[in-house]
Amino acid sequence: MRILLGVDAGGSHTTAAVADGTGAILVRADGGPGAMRRGAAAAAASAILQTCRDALEKAERQVKGDILVVGAAGVGREEERLALQAALEESGLAPRVVVLTDAAIALEAAFSDGPGVVLIAGTGSIAWARHPDGAHSRVGGLGPALGDQGSGYDLGRRGLRAVGLAIEGRGRRTQLTDPIMQRAHAPTLAELVAWASAATVPAIAALAPAVLDAARDGDAVASALVDAAADDLASHVRALADRFPRGRDIRVALGGSLLVRSDDYRKRVVARIVAEVMDADILADPVDPVLGAVQLARALQ
């Protein structure tokens, strides 16, 4: 039996699936961050390979696959894509290895080869579109310094700022203070400042659930932060929808850990997309990028 490996390698975690030759997924496994960073192909490949090996072990299959398709964040430039592909090919995990952008597998999972918009909000945020003429476009994905509005990092950073202002008396009191300080293991403002100055992007993104929980429970400060983040995500879709032909329904798929795990956040985002994009047709099921990687692997047989 042929073994297909499909991988979604993101900024906070990697998911690998083992599938048979028909594309039926046998098992999945999760691992550490597998997104590509410039000059760090070996580290990204290591996370991807370990996750694939974990999946193969769970499936009780041989230690290799026949085709490996990886959709990875950070490979928009050909230089990074080829570097990661070369590192994966050297491992010998599969005789055929294809590395694509995370956009490619997400669009495949959501719409096959049809048009539509995929909005992803996890550690970062990005939206991709495939237009009716087959052309592609993108909004977001600019990283934590320039973009990632509405992402886990963005929500975590907004929450940190709100807590700092509240402690100093320059902002409204908020229920966010205790859970964020607890998650940061920082019982004082001075320790919170020290933690924040050294925190990685994933560490700050890990604060997002505290903001979402407080908003769901009615905290006014947290709710305002989440509403602003939802507006930012909706603006991604609106910018891409403006490039579609007028009067045509635009299918929109949502995905990423924030939109999958938080019903409240997803509802807020959907409400804003519907209000801003009159022709939006929101898909009920969240997009599953790793399924797109498997589908593309199957097509390569």
C-alpha atoms as a PDB file:
ATOM      1  CA  MET A   1       0.000   0.000   0.000  1.00  0.00           C
ATOM      2  CA  ARG A   2       1.287   3.434  -0.916  1.00  0.00           C
ATOM      3  CA  ILE A   3       1.815   5.836   1.970  1.00  0.00           C
ATOM      4  CA  LEU A   4       1.135   9.537   1.541  1.00  0.00           C
ATOM      5  CA  LEU A   5       2.376  12.116   4.030  1.00  0.00           C
ATOM      6  CA  GLY A   6       0.714  15.513   4.280  1.00  0.00           C
ATOM      7  CA  VAL A   7       2.052  18.246   6.554  1.00  0.00           C
ATOM      8  CA  ASP A   8       0.880  21.649   7.704  1.00  0.00           C
ATOM      9  CA  ALA A   9       3.920  23.398   9.228  1.00  0.00           C
ATOM     10  CA  GLY A  10       3.058  26.566  11.118  1.00  0.00           C
ATOM     11  CA  GLY A  11       4.559  29.081  13.480  1.00  0.00           C
ATOM     12  CA  SER A  12       3.373  27.421  16.680  1.00  0.00           C
ATOM     13  CA  HIS A  13       2.949  23.776  15.750  1.00  0.00           C
ATOM     14  CA  THR A  14       3.137  21.214  12.960  1.00  0.00           C
ATOM     15  CA  THR A  15       0.507  18.643  12.015  1.00  0.00           C
ATOM     16  CA  ALA A  16       1.363  15.576   9.937  1.00  0.00           C
ATOM     17  CA  ALA A  17      -1.079  13.055   8.495  1.00  0.00           C
ATOM     18  CA  VAL A  18      -0.449   9.563   7.167  1.00  0.00           C
ATOM     19  CA  ALA A  19      -2.840   8.554   4.389  1.00  0.00           C
ATOM     20  CA  ASP A  20      -3.228   5.605   2.070  1.00  0.00           C
ATOM     21  CA  GLY A  21      -3.153   5.820  -1.703  1.00  0.00           C
ATOM     22  CA  THR A  22      -6.808   6.818  -1.889  1.00  0.00           C
ATOM     23  CA  GLY A  23      -6.187   9.845   0.291  1.00  0.00           C
ATOM     24  CA  ALA A  24      -7.944   8.395   3.343  1.00  0.00           C
ATOM     25  CA  ILE A  25      -6.195   9.698   6.458  1.00  0.00           C
ATOM     26  CA  LEU A  26      -5.091   6.920   8.818  1.00  0.00           C
ATOM     27  CA  VAL A  27      -3.600   8.947  11.672  1.00  0.00           C
ATOM     28  CA  ARG A  28      -2.409  12.423  12.585  1.00  0.00           C
ATOM     29  CA  ALA A  29       0.350  13.640  14.853  1.00  0.00           C
ATOM     30  CA  ASP A  30       1.227  17.078  16.207  1.00  0.00           C
ATOM     31  CA  GLY A  31       4.668  18.505  16.829  1.00  0.00           C
ATOM     32  CA  GLY A  32       6.600  21.708  17.372  1.00  0.00           C
ATOM     33  CA  PRO A  33       6.885  24.779  15.128  1.00  0.00           C
ATOM     34  CA  GLY A  34       7.842  23.904  11.566  1.00  0.00           C
ATOM     35  CA  ALA A  35       7.555  27.302   9.905  1.00  0.00           C
ATOM     36  CA  MET A  36      10.529  28.290   7.785  1.00  0.00           C
ATOM     37  CA  ARG A  37      12.775  31.105   8.957  1.00  0.00           C
ATOM     38  CA  ARG A  38      15.540  32.538   6.832  1.00  0.00           C
ATOM     39  CA  GLY A  39      18.694  30.500   7.350  1.00  0.00           C
ATOM     40  CA  ALA A  40      16.890  27.983   9.566  1.00  0.00           C
ATOM     41  CA  ALA A  41      15.907  25.232   7.142  1.00  0.00           C
ATOM     42  CA  ALA A  42      17.491  22.546   9.309  1.00  0.00           C
ATOM     43  CA  ALA A  43      15.407  23.484  12.347  1.00  0.00           C
ATOM     44  CA  ALA A  44      12.166  23.599  10.376  1.00  0.00           C
ATOM     45  CA  ALA A  45      12.950  20.292   8.672  1.00  0.00           C
ATOM     46  CA  SER A  46      13.760  18.674  12.019  1.00  0.00           C
ATOM     47  CA  ALA A  47      10.348  19.585  13.460  1.00  0.00           C
ATOM     48  CA  ILE A  48       8.552  18.413  10.321  1.00  0.00           C
ATOM     49  CA  LEU A  49      10.451  15.123  10.128  1.00  0.00           C
ATOM     50  CA  GLN A  50       9.927  14.308  13.791  1.00  0.00           C
ATOM     51  CA  THR A  51       6.203  14.926  13.468  1.00  0.00           C
ATOM     52  CA  CYS A  52       6.040  12.728  10.369  1.00  0.00           C
ATOM     53  CA  ARG A  53       7.913   9.935  12.136  1.00  0.00           C
ATOM     54  CA  ASP A  54       5.541  10.198  15.091  1.00  0.00           C
ATOM     55  CA  ALA A  55       2.597   9.870  12.711  1.00  0.00           C
ATOM     56  CA  LEU A  56       4.127   6.859  10.946  1.00  0.00           C
ATOM     57  CA  GLU A  57       4.764   5.192  14.290  1.00  0.00           C
ATOM     58  CA  LYS A  58       1.149   5.765  15.358  1.00  0.00           C
ATOM     59  CA  ALA A  59      -0.006   4.287  12.059  1.00  0.00           C
ATOM     60  CA  GLU A  60       2.266   1.273  12.587  1.00  0.00           C
ATOM     61  CA  ARG A  61       3.661   1.721   9.107  1.00  0.00           C
ATOM     62  CA  GLN A  62       7.148   1.569   7.686  1.00  0.00           C
ATOM     63  CA  VAL A  63       9.510   4.377   8.593  1.00  0.00           C
ATOM     64  CA  LYS A  64       9.165   5.995   5.168  1.00  0.00           C
ATOM     65  CA  GLY A  65       6.417   7.344   2.965  1.00  0.00           C
ATOM     66  CA  ASP A  66       6.093   7.344  -0.807  1.00  0.00           C
ATOM     67  CA  ILE A  67       5.188  11.015  -1.268  1.00  0.00           C
ATOM     68  CA  LEU A  68       5.617  13.882   1.186  1.00  0.00           C
ATOM     69  CA  VAL A  69       3.800  17.174   0.603  1.00  0.00           C
ATOM     70  CA  VAL A  70       4.509  19.986   3.045  1.00  0.00           C
ATOM     71  CA  GLY A  71       2.662  23.275   3.228  1.00  0.00           C
ATOM     72  CA  ALA A  72       4.834  25.574   5.315  1.00  0.00           C
ATOM     73  CA  ALA A  73       4.584  29.106   6.587  1.00  0.00           C
ATOM     74  CA  GLY A  74       7.564  31.236   5.594  1.00  0.00           C
ATOM     75  CA  VAL A  75       8.279  29.742   2.156  1.00  0.00           C
ATOM     76  CA  GLY A  76       6.751  32.498   0.043  1.00  0.00           C
ATOM     77  CA  ARG A  77      10.196  33.287  -1.331  1.00  0.00           C
ATOM     78  CA  GLU A  78      11.642  30.645  -3.642  1.00  0.00           C
ATOM     79  CA  GLU A  79      14.959  30.682  -1.789  1.00  0.00           C
ATOM     80  CA  GLU A  80      13.347  29.573   1.482  1.00  0.00           C
ATOM     81  CA  ARG A  81      11.090  27.038  -0.222  1.00  0.00           C
ATOM     82  CA  LEU A  82      13.981  25.341  -1.996  1.00  0.00           C
ATOM     83  CA  ALA A  83      16.129  25.343   1.151  1.00  0.00           C
ATOM     84  CA  LEU A  84      13.434  23.567   3.148  1.00  0.00           C
ATOM     85  CA  GLN A  85      12.724  21.123   0.334  1.00  0.00           C
ATOM     86  CA  ALA A  86      16.423  20.251   0.067  1.00  0.00           C
ATOM     87  CA  ALA A  87      16.665  19.641   3.809  1.00  0.00           C
ATOM     88  CA  LEU A  88      13.654  17.333   3.722  1.00  0.00           C
ATOM     89  CA  GLU A  89      14.917  15.465   0.664  1.00  0.00           C
ATOM     90  CA  GLU A  90      18.219  14.767   2.422  1.00  0.00           C
ATOM     91  CA  SER A  91      16.361  12.951   5.209  1.00  0.00           C
ATOM     92  CA  GLY A  92      15.247  10.145   2.909  1.00  0.00           C
ATOM     93  CA  LEU A  93      11.800  10.104   4.521  1.00  0.00           C
ATOM     94  CA  ALA A  94      10.134   9.869   1.109  1.00  0.00           C
ATOM     95  CA  PRO A  95      11.512   9.491  -2.427  1.00  0.00           C
ATOM     96  CA  ARG A  96       9.347  12.380  -3.596  1.00  0.00           C
ATOM     97  CA  VAL A  97       9.149  15.599  -1.579  1.00  0.00           C
ATOM     98  CA  VAL A  98       7.198  18.723  -2.501  1.00  0.00           C
ATOM     99  CA  VAL A  99       7.227  21.892  -0.412  1.00  0.00           C
ATOM    100  CA  LEU A 100       4.484  24.448  -1.012  1.00  0.00           C
ATOM    101  CA  THR A 101       3.225  27.526   0.748  1.00  0.00           C
ATOM    102  CA  ASP A 102       0.676  27.111   3.502  1.00  0.00           C
ATOM    103  CA  ALA A 103      -1.644  29.062   1.198  1.00  0.00           C
ATOM    104  CA  ALA A 104      -1.552  26.313  -1.416  1.00  0.00           C
ATOM    105  CA  ILE A 105      -2.679  23.548   0.927  1.00  0.00           C
ATOM    106  CA  ALA A 106      -5.317  25.709   2.638  1.00  0.00           C
ATOM    107  CA  LEU A 107      -6.917  26.717  -0.667  1.00  0.00           C
ATOM    108  CA  GLU A 108      -6.811  23.112  -1.865  1.00  0.00           C
ATOM    109  CA  ALA A 109      -8.501  21.906   1.324  1.00  0.00           C
ATOM    110  CA  ALA A 110     -11.218  24.545   1.170  1.00  0.00           C
ATOM    111  CA  PHE A 111     -12.042  24.811  -2.522  1.00  0.00           C
ATOM    112  CA  SER A 112     -10.057  22.192  -4.454  1.00  0.00           C
ATOM    113  CA  ASP A 113      -9.223  24.105  -7.646  1.00  0.00           C
ATOM    114  CA  GLY A 114     -12.145  26.552  -7.362  1.00  0.00           C
ATOM    115  CA  PRO A 115     -12.202  30.221  -6.328  1.00  0.00           C
ATOM    116  CA  GLY A 116     -12.593  31.515  -2.800  1.00  0.00           C
ATOM    117  CA  VAL A 117     -10.929  33.201   0.163  1.00  0.00           C
ATOM    118  CA  VAL A 118      -9.259  31.458   3.095  1.00  0.00           C
ATOM    119  CA  LEU A 119      -8.741  33.427   6.307  1.00  0.00           C
ATOM    120  CA  ILE A 120      -6.320  31.930   8.838  1.00  0.00           C
ATOM    121  CA  ALA A 121      -5.787  33.202  12.384  1.00  0.00           C
ATOM    122  CA  GLY A 122      -3.390  31.323  14.611  1.00  0.00           C
ATOM    123  CA  THR A 123      -0.083  32.597  15.951  1.00  0.00           C
ATOM    124  CA  GLY A 124      -0.152  34.962  12.970  1.00  0.00           C
ATOM    125  CA  SER A 125      -2.857  35.935  10.506  1.00  0.00           C
ATOM    126  CA  ILE A 126      -3.195  35.901   6.740  1.00  0.00           C
ATOM    127  CA  ALA A 127      -5.819  35.610   4.022  1.00  0.00           C
ATOM    128  CA  TRP A 128      -5.407  34.105   0.565  1.00  0.00           C
ATOM    129  CA  ALA A 129      -7.654  34.188  -2.464  1.00  0.00           C
ATOM    130  CA  ARG A 130      -7.957  32.188  -5.631  1.00  0.00           C
ATOM    131  CA  HIS A 131      -9.886  34.264  -8.149  1.00  0.00           C
ATOM    132  CA  PRO A 132     -12.276  32.939 -10.808  1.00  0.00           C
ATOM    133  CA  ASP A 133      -9.560  33.358 -13.460  1.00  0.00           C
ATOM    134  CA  GLY A 134      -7.159  31.229 -11.381  1.00  0.00           C
ATOM    135  CA  ALA A 135      -4.990  34.126 -10.219  1.00  0.00           C
ATOM    136  CA  HIS A 136      -3.907  34.262  -6.576  1.00  0.00           C
ATOM    137  CA  SER A 137      -3.633  37.176  -4.168  1.00  0.00           C
ATOM    138  CA  ARG A 138      -2.807  37.650  -0.512  1.00  0.00           C
ATOM    139  CA  VAL A 139      -3.476  40.050   2.331  1.00  0.00           C
ATOM    140  CA  GLY A 140      -1.616  39.901   5.654  1.00  0.00           C
ATOM    141  CA  GLY A 141       1.092  37.480   6.624  1.00  0.00           C
ATOM    142  CA  LEU A 142       3.510  40.367   7.175  1.00  0.00           C
ATOM    143  CA  GLY A 143       4.798  39.075  10.503  1.00  0.00           C
ATOM    144  CA  PRO A 144       4.527  40.408  14.054  1.00  0.00           C
ATOM    145  CA  ALA A 145       6.297  43.695  13.390  1.00  0.00           C
ATOM    146  CA  LEU A 146       4.300  44.773  10.331  1.00  0.00           C
ATOM    147  CA  GLY A 147       1.095  42.783  10.527  1.00  0.00           C
ATOM    148  CA  ASP A 148      -0.580  39.706  12.052  1.00  0.00           C
ATOM    149  CA  GLN A 149      -3.591  41.786  13.085  1.00  0.00           C
ATOM    150  CA  GLY A 150      -6.302  39.693  14.723  1.00  0.00           C
ATOM    151  CA  SER A 151      -3.870  36.847  15.413  1.00  0.00           C
ATOM    152  CA  GLY A 152      -2.952  35.114  18.635  1.00  0.00           C
ATOM    153  CA  TYR A 153       0.162  37.258  18.885  1.00  0.00           C
ATOM    154  CA  ASP A 154      -1.873  40.406  18.304  1.00  0.00           C
ATOM    155  CA  LEU A 155      -4.442  39.494  20.948  1.00  0.00           C
ATOM    156  CA  GLY A 156      -1.748  38.523  23.434  1.00  0.00           C
ATOM    157  CA  ARG A 157       0.118  41.786  22.872  1.00  0.00           C
ATOM    158  CA  ARG A 158      -3.079  43.829  23.233  1.00  0.00           C
ATOM    159  CA  GLY A 159      -3.878  41.975  26.441  1.00  0.00           C
ATOM    160  CA  LEU A 160      -0.424  42.654  27.862  1.00  0.00           C
ATOM    161  CA  ARG A 161      -0.756  46.358  27.127  1.00  0.00           C
ATOM    162  CA  ALA A 162      -4.213  46.515  28.711  1.00  0.00           C
ATOM    163  CA  VAL A 163      -2.905  44.848  31.874  1.00  0.00           C
ATOM    164  CA  GLY A 164       0.075  47.190  32.092  1.00  0.00           C
ATOM    165  CA  LEU A 165      -2.159  50.239  31.732  1.00  0.00           C
ATOM    166  CA  ALA A 166      -4.626  48.910  34.299  1.00  0.00           C
ATOM    167  CA  ILE A 167      -1.897  48.253  36.887  1.00  0.00           C
ATOM    168  CA  GLU A 168      -0.480  51.745  36.424  1.00  0.00           C
ATOM    169  CA  GLY A 169      -3.899  53.343  36.706  1.00  0.00           C
ATOM    170  CA  ARG A 170      -3.831  54.681  33.150  1.00  0.00           C
ATOM    171  CA  GLY A 171      -6.390  52.211  31.847  1.00  0.00           C
ATOM    172  CA  ARG A 172      -9.622  50.543  32.888  1.00  0.00           C
ATOM    173  CA  ARG A 173      -9.547  47.729  35.398  1.00  0.00           C
ATOM    174  CA  THR A 174      -9.895  44.358  33.732  1.00  0.00           C
ATOM    175  CA  GLN A 175     -10.339  40.704  34.587  1.00  0.00           C
ATOM    176  CA  LEU A 176      -7.363  40.049  32.301  1.00  0.00           C
ATOM    177  CA  THR A 177      -4.828  41.073  34.924  1.00  0.00           C
ATOM    178  CA  ASP A 178      -4.728  37.909  37.015  1.00  0.00           C
ATOM    179  CA  PRO A 179      -4.820  35.297  34.222  1.00  0.00           C
ATOM    180  CA  ILE A 180      -2.199  37.045  32.128  1.00  0.00           C
ATOM    181  CA  MET A 181       0.164  37.530  35.054  1.00  0.00           C
ATOM    182  CA  GLN A 182      -0.356  33.913  36.052  1.00  0.00           C
ATOM    183  CA  ARG A 183       0.363  32.634  32.538  1.00  0.00           C
ATOM    184  CA  ALA A 184       3.502  34.766  32.441  1.00  0.00           C
ATOM    185  CA  HIS A 185       4.506  33.594  35.940  1.00  0.00           C
ATOM    186  CA  ALA A 186       4.926  37.281  36.800  1.00  0.00           C
ATOM    187  CA  PRO A 187       3.319  38.328  40.109  1.00  0.00           C
ATOM    188  CA  THR A 188       4.446  41.968  39.826  1.00  0.00           C
ATOM    189  CA  LEU A 189       4.486  44.591  37.082  1.00  0.00           C
ATOM    190  CA  ALA A 190       8.287  44.649  37.116  1.00  0.00           C
ATOM    191  CA  GLU A 191       8.383  40.887  36.510  1.00  0.00           C
ATOM    192  CA  LEU A 192       5.739  41.180  33.805  1.00  0.00           C
ATOM    193  CA  VAL A 193       7.858  43.807  32.038  1.00  0.00           C
ATOM    194  CA  ALA A 194      10.890  41.525  32.237  1.00  0.00           C
ATOM    195  CA  TRP A 195       8.887  38.575  30.921  1.00  0.00           C
ATOM    196  CA  ALA A 196       7.405  40.558  28.041  1.00  0.00           C
ATOM    197  CA  SER A 197      10.786  41.960  26.977  1.00  0.00           C
ATOM    198  CA  ALA A 198      12.187  38.451  26.547  1.00  0.00           C
ATOM    199  CA  ALA A 199       9.055  36.633  25.386  1.00  0.00           C
ATOM    200  CA  THR A 200       8.972  34.953  21.993  1.00  0.00           C
ATOM    201  CA  VAL A 201       6.146  35.455  19.500  1.00  0.00           C
ATOM    202  CA  PRO A 202       4.606  32.031  20.358  1.00  0.00           C
ATOM    203  CA  ALA A 203       4.819  32.829  24.083  1.00  0.00           C
ATOM    204  CA  ILE A 204       2.893  36.071  23.626  1.00  0.00           C
ATOM    205  CA  ALA A 205       0.421  34.328  21.317  1.00  0.00           C
ATOM    206  CA  ALA A 206      -0.196  31.800  24.099  1.00  0.00           C
ATOM    207  CA  LEU A 207      -1.834  34.620  26.089  1.00  0.00           C
ATOM    208  CA  ALA A 208      -4.624  34.962  23.524  1.00  0.00           C
ATOM    209  CA  PRO A 209      -6.922  32.344  25.135  1.00  0.00           C
ATOM    210  CA  ALA A 210      -6.945  34.420  28.333  1.00  0.00           C
ATOM    211  CA  VAL A 211      -8.157  37.439  26.350  1.00  0.00           C
ATOM    212  CA  LEU A 212     -10.801  35.395  24.528  1.00  0.00           C
ATOM    213  CA  ASP A 213     -12.015  33.790  27.761  1.00  0.00           C
ATOM    214  CA  ALA A 214     -12.347  37.153  29.497  1.00  0.00           C
ATOM    215  CA  ALA A 215     -14.239  38.600  26.537  1.00  0.00           C
ATOM    216  CA  ARG A 216     -16.606  35.633  26.493  1.00  0.00           C
ATOM    217  CA  ASP A 217     -17.217  36.136  30.214  1.00  0.00           C
ATOM    218  CA  GLY A 218     -18.197  39.765  29.672  1.00  0.00           C
ATOM    219  CA  ASP A 219     -15.086  41.741  30.598  1.00  0.00           C
ATOM    220  CA  ALA A 220     -15.488  45.091  28.830  1.00  0.00           C
ATOM    221  CA  VAL A 221     -11.781  45.661  28.203  1.00  0.00           C
ATOM    222  CA  ALA A 222     -11.194  42.196  26.778  1.00  0.00           C
ATOM    223  CA  SER A 223     -14.369  42.375  24.710  1.00  0.00           C
ATOM    224  CA  ALA A 224     -13.237  45.632  23.121  1.00  0.00           C
ATOM    225  CA  LEU A 225      -9.857  44.084  22.280  1.00  0.00           C
ATOM    226  CA  VAL A 226     -11.489  41.047  20.690  1.00  0.00           C
ATOM    227  CA  ASP A 227     -13.936  43.176  18.708  1.00  0.00           C
ATOM    228  CA  ALA A 228     -11.067  45.247  17.340  1.00  0.00           C
ATOM    229  CA  ALA A 229      -9.163  42.092  16.404  1.00  0.00           C
ATOM    230  CA  ALA A 230     -12.265  40.667  14.689  1.00  0.00           C
ATOM    231  CA  ASP A 231     -12.596  43.898  12.688  1.00  0.00           C
ATOM    232  CA  ASP A 232      -8.985  43.518  11.581  1.00  0.00           C
ATOM    233  CA  LEU A 233      -9.567  39.959  10.369  1.00  0.00           C
ATOM    234  CA  ALA A 234     -12.702  40.983   8.486  1.00  0.00           C
ATOM    235  CA  SER A 235     -10.694  43.704   6.751  1.00  0.00           C
ATOM    236  CA  HIS A 236      -8.424  40.981   5.314  1.00  0.00           C
ATOM    237  CA  VAL A 237     -11.412  39.367   3.620  1.00  0.00           C
ATOM    238  CA  ARG A 238     -12.874  42.676   2.471  1.00  0.00           C
ATOM    239  CA  ALA A 239      -9.603  43.685   0.798  1.00  0.00           C
ATOM    240  CA  LEU A 240      -9.513  40.436  -1.179  1.00  0.00           C
ATOM    241  CA  ALA A 241     -13.248  40.438  -1.941  1.00  0.00           C
ATOM    242  CA  ASP A 242     -12.868  43.836  -3.599  1.00  0.00           C
ATOM    243  CA  ARG A 243     -10.757  42.115  -6.257  1.00  0.00           C
ATOM    244  CA  PHE A 244     -13.510  39.612  -7.198  1.00  0.00           C
ATOM    245  CA  PRO A 245     -16.094  40.302  -9.935  1.00  0.00           C
ATOM    246  CA  ARG A 246     -19.064  42.277  -8.648  1.00  0.00           C
ATOM    247  CA  GLY A 247     -22.307  40.426  -7.945  1.00  0.00           C
ATOM    248  CA  ARG A 248     -20.701  37.010  -7.590  1.00  0.00           C
ATOM    249  CA  ASP A 249     -20.867  35.022  -4.347  1.00  0.00           C
ATOM    250  CA  ILE A 250     -17.465  34.708  -2.697  1.00  0.00           C
ATOM    251  CA  ARG A 251     -16.895  31.550  -0.701  1.00  0.00           C
ATOM    252  CA  VAL A 252     -14.949  32.216   2.489  1.00  0.00           C
ATOM    253  CA  ALA A 253     -13.338  29.528   4.640  1.00  0.00           C
ATOM    254  CA  LEU A 254     -11.955  30.183   8.107  1.00  0.00           C
ATOM    255  CA  GLY A 255      -9.170  28.311   9.840  1.00  0.00           C
ATOM    256  CA  GLY A 256      -6.310  28.532  12.297  1.00  0.00           C
ATOM    257  CA  SER A 257      -6.242  27.660  15.978  1.00  0.00           C
ATOM    258  CA  LEU A 258      -8.017  30.807  17.202  1.00  0.00           C
ATOM    259  CA  LEU A 259     -10.976  30.513  14.849  1.00  0.00           C
ATOM    260  CA  VAL A 260     -11.264  26.752  15.308  1.00  0.00           C
ATOM    261  CA  ARG A 261     -11.027  26.635  19.100  1.00  0.00           C
ATOM    262  CA  SER A 262     -12.986  29.753  20.074  1.00  0.00           C
ATOM    263  CA  ASP A 263     -16.632  29.720  18.981  1.00  0.00           C
ATOM    264  CA  ASP A 264     -17.124  33.223  20.353  1.00  0.00           C
ATOM    265  CA  TYR A 265     -14.238  34.677  18.345  1.00  0.00           C
ATOM    266  CA  ARG A 266     -15.326  32.881  15.197  1.00  0.00           C
ATOM    267  CA  LYS A 267     -18.872  34.243  15.575  1.00  0.00           C
ATOM    268  CA  ARG A 268     -17.578  37.788  16.008  1.00  0.00           C
ATOM    269  CA  VAL A 269     -15.374  37.480  12.933  1.00  0.00           C
ATOM    270  CA  VAL A 270     -18.147  35.931  10.826  1.00  0.00           C
ATOM    271  CA  ALA A 271     -20.574  38.699  11.832  1.00  0.00           C
ATOM    272  CA  ARG A 272     -18.121  41.353  10.714  1.00  0.00           C
ATOM    273  CA  ILE A 273     -17.318  39.631   7.436  1.00  0.00           C
ATOM    274  CA  VAL A 274     -21.016  39.321   6.611  1.00  0.00           C
ATOM    275  CA  ALA A 275     -21.547  42.996   7.464  1.00  0.00           C
ATOM    276  CA  GLU A 276     -18.648  44.174   5.301  1.00  0.00           C
ATOM    277  CA  VAL A 277     -18.735  41.718   2.380  1.00  0.00           C
ATOM    278  CA  MET A 278     -22.264  41.510   1.035  1.00  0.00           C
ATOM    279  CA  ASP A 279     -21.461  38.628  -1.317  1.00  0.00           C
ATOM    280  CA  ALA A 280     -19.680  36.480   1.288  1.00  0.00           C
ATOM    281  CA  ASP A 281     -20.731  32.845   1.577  1.00  0.00           C
ATOM    282  CA  ILE A 282     -19.099  31.553   4.777  1.00  0.00           C
ATOM    283  CA  LEU A 283     -18.339  27.824   4.769  1.00  0.00           C
ATOM    284  CA  ALA A 284     -19.682  26.084   7.867  1.00  0.00           C
ATOM    285  CA  ASP A 285     -16.698  23.792   8.425  1.00  0.00           C
ATOM    286  CA  PRO A 286     -13.257  25.164   9.331  1.00  0.00           C
ATOM    287  CA  VAL A 287     -10.540  24.639   6.769  1.00  0.00           C
ATOM    288  CA  ASP A 288      -8.214  21.693   7.421  1.00  0.00           C
ATOM    289  CA  PRO A 289      -4.917  22.527   5.648  1.00  0.00           C
ATOM    290  CA  VAL A 290      -3.312  19.139   6.257  1.00  0.00           C
ATOM    291  CA  LEU A 291      -6.150  17.571   4.277  1.00  0.00           C
ATOM    292  CA  GLY A 292      -5.184  19.806   1.363  1.00  0.00           C
ATOM    293  CA  ALA A 293      -1.600  18.543   1.602  1.00  0.00           C
ATOM    294  CA  VAL A 294      -2.843  14.952   1.440  1.00  0.00           C
ATOM    295  CA  GLN A 295      -5.080  15.722  -1.535  1.00  0.00           C
ATOM    296  CA  LEU A 296      -2.160  17.251  -3.386  1.00  0.00           C
ATOM    297  CA  ALA A 297       0.017  14.237  -2.526  1.00  0.00           C
ATOM    298  CA  ARG A 298      -2.641  11.937  -3.944  1.00  0.00           C
ATOM    299  CA  ALA A 299      -2.694  13.931  -7.199  1.00  0.00           C
ATOM    300  CA  LEU A 300       1.068  13.423  -7.576  1.00  0.00           C
ATOM    301  CA  GLN A 301       0.836   9.608  -7.697  1.00  0.00           C
END
